[in-house]
Amino acid sequence: MRAIQDLRKKQGLMPGDRIALAIKTSGEGKRVLEERKAEIMRTTGADDLVLEETKGASILIEGMEYVIALKKR
């Protein structure tokens, strides 16, 4: 979630701005995201979170790679 908040900041988004998230990761990463999806969406201001092929910022968390793309709604 911290990585997503950092990306929001880099894109100049305000705390109240809503976003859509697309995340590419491995099978294990997908499992982790599915378990925490509601929390991630609530914390980051996301209206949508999809797990799909995407181009974006590559982040390594606990040995798993996540490619995260976000856009303002």
C-alpha atoms as a PDB file:
ATOM      1  CA  MET A   1       0.000   0.000   0.000  1.00  0.00           C
ATOM      2  CA  ARG A   2       2.893   2.321   0.713  1.00  0.00           C
ATOM      3  CA  ALA A   3       4.168   1.848  -2.850  1.00  0.00           C
ATOM      4  CA  ILE A   4       0.766   2.817  -4.255  1.00  0.00           C
ATOM      5  CA  GLN A   5       0.633   5.908  -2.045  1.00  0.00           C
ATOM      6  CA  ASP A   6       4.113   6.866  -3.276  1.00  0.00           C
ATOM      7  CA  LEU A   7       2.950   6.488  -6.897  1.00  0.00           C
ATOM      8  CA  ARG A   8      -0.076   8.680  -6.163  1.00  0.00           C
ATOM      9  CA  LYS A   9       2.231  11.355  -4.778  1.00  0.00           C
ATOM     10  CA  LYS A  10       4.610  11.154  -7.769  1.00  0.00           C
ATOM     11  CA  GLN A  11       1.636  11.680 -10.103  1.00  0.00           C
ATOM     12  CA  GLY A  12       0.553  14.754  -8.156  1.00  0.00           C
ATOM     13  CA  LEU A  13      -2.715  13.263  -6.939  1.00  0.00           C
ATOM     14  CA  MET A  14      -4.501  14.746  -3.937  1.00  0.00           C
ATOM     15  CA  PRO A  15      -5.665  12.601  -0.985  1.00  0.00           C
ATOM     16  CA  GLY A  16      -9.305  12.835  -2.087  1.00  0.00           C
ATOM     17  CA  ASP A  17      -8.619  11.824  -5.702  1.00  0.00           C
ATOM     18  CA  ARG A  18     -10.063   8.424  -6.645  1.00  0.00           C
ATOM     19  CA  ILE A  19      -7.975   6.026  -8.745  1.00  0.00           C
ATOM     20  CA  ALA A  20      -8.169   2.829 -10.764  1.00  0.00           C
ATOM     21  CA  LEU A  21      -5.407   0.262 -10.170  1.00  0.00           C
ATOM     22  CA  ALA A  22      -4.051  -2.391 -12.527  1.00  0.00           C
ATOM     23  CA  ILE A  23      -1.486  -4.782 -11.077  1.00  0.00           C
ATOM     24  CA  LYS A  24       0.541  -7.550 -12.723  1.00  0.00           C
ATOM     25  CA  THR A  25       2.138 -10.174 -10.488  1.00  0.00           C
ATOM     26  CA  SER A  26       2.762 -13.895 -10.017  1.00  0.00           C
ATOM     27  CA  GLY A  27       0.236 -16.447  -8.814  1.00  0.00           C
ATOM     28  CA  GLU A  28       1.383 -16.060  -5.211  1.00  0.00           C
ATOM     29  CA  GLY A  29       1.233 -12.270  -5.507  1.00  0.00           C
ATOM     30  CA  LYS A  30      -2.311 -12.522  -6.858  1.00  0.00           C
ATOM     31  CA  ARG A  31      -3.319 -14.619  -3.870  1.00  0.00           C
ATOM     32  CA  VAL A  32      -1.911 -12.005  -1.487  1.00  0.00           C
ATOM     33  CA  LEU A  33      -3.674  -9.183  -3.346  1.00  0.00           C
ATOM     34  CA  GLU A  34      -7.011 -11.009  -3.388  1.00  0.00           C
ATOM     35  CA  GLU A  35      -6.811 -11.525   0.387  1.00  0.00           C
ATOM     36  CA  ARG A  36      -6.129  -7.819   0.979  1.00  0.00           C
ATOM     37  CA  LYS A  37      -8.059  -6.307  -1.933  1.00  0.00           C
ATOM     38  CA  ALA A  38     -10.702  -4.468   0.138  1.00  0.00           C
ATOM     39  CA  GLU A  39      -8.074  -3.033   2.491  1.00  0.00           C
ATOM     40  CA  ILE A  40      -5.842  -1.928  -0.403  1.00  0.00           C
ATOM     41  CA  MET A  41      -8.731  -0.233  -2.190  1.00  0.00           C
ATOM     42  CA  ARG A  42      -9.948   1.531   0.946  1.00  0.00           C
ATOM     43  CA  THR A  43      -6.483   2.718   1.985  1.00  0.00           C
ATOM     44  CA  THR A  44      -5.352   3.910  -1.448  1.00  0.00           C
ATOM     45  CA  GLY A  45      -8.602   5.508  -2.642  1.00  0.00           C
ATOM     46  CA  ALA A  46      -9.091   2.998  -5.439  1.00  0.00           C
ATOM     47  CA  ASP A  47     -12.511   2.483  -7.031  1.00  0.00           C
ATOM     48  CA  ASP A  48     -11.236  -0.477  -9.024  1.00  0.00           C
ATOM     49  CA  LEU A  49      -8.384  -2.985  -8.694  1.00  0.00           C
ATOM     50  CA  VAL A  50      -7.782  -5.440 -11.510  1.00  0.00           C
ATOM     51  CA  LEU A  51      -5.096  -8.095 -11.783  1.00  0.00           C
ATOM     52  CA  GLU A  52      -3.951  -8.060 -15.394  1.00  0.00           C
ATOM     53  CA  GLU A  53      -1.026  -7.542 -17.743  1.00  0.00           C
ATOM     54  CA  THR A  54       0.014  -3.925 -17.423  1.00  0.00           C
ATOM     55  CA  LYS A  55       2.933  -1.571 -17.788  1.00  0.00           C
ATOM     56  CA  GLY A  56       3.839   0.595 -14.842  1.00  0.00           C
ATOM     57  CA  ALA A  57       6.124   0.892 -11.854  1.00  0.00           C
ATOM     58  CA  SER A  58       7.874  -2.338 -10.864  1.00  0.00           C
ATOM     59  CA  ILE A  59       7.957  -2.849  -7.100  1.00  0.00           C
ATOM     60  CA  LEU A  60       9.541  -5.701  -5.131  1.00  0.00           C
ATOM     61  CA  ILE A  61       7.730  -6.558  -1.884  1.00  0.00           C
ATOM     62  CA  GLU A  62       8.767  -9.523   0.249  1.00  0.00           C
ATOM     63  CA  GLY A  63      10.483 -11.128  -2.742  1.00  0.00           C
ATOM     64  CA  MET A  64       7.480 -10.783  -5.076  1.00  0.00           C
ATOM     65  CA  GLU A  65       7.379  -8.411  -8.036  1.00  0.00           C
ATOM     66  CA  TYR A  66       4.341  -6.225  -8.621  1.00  0.00           C
ATOM     67  CA  VAL A  67       3.933  -4.013 -11.689  1.00  0.00           C
ATOM     68  CA  ILE A  68       1.524  -1.258 -10.711  1.00  0.00           C
ATOM     69  CA  ALA A  69      -0.289   1.191 -12.960  1.00  0.00           C
ATOM     70  CA  LEU A  70      -2.767   3.724 -11.656  1.00  0.00           C
ATOM     71  CA  LYS A  71      -4.842   6.445 -13.179  1.00  0.00           C
ATOM     72  CA  LYS A  72      -7.060   9.133 -11.793  1.00  0.00           C
ATOM     73  CA  ARG A  73     -10.797   8.611 -12.081  1.00  0.00           C
END
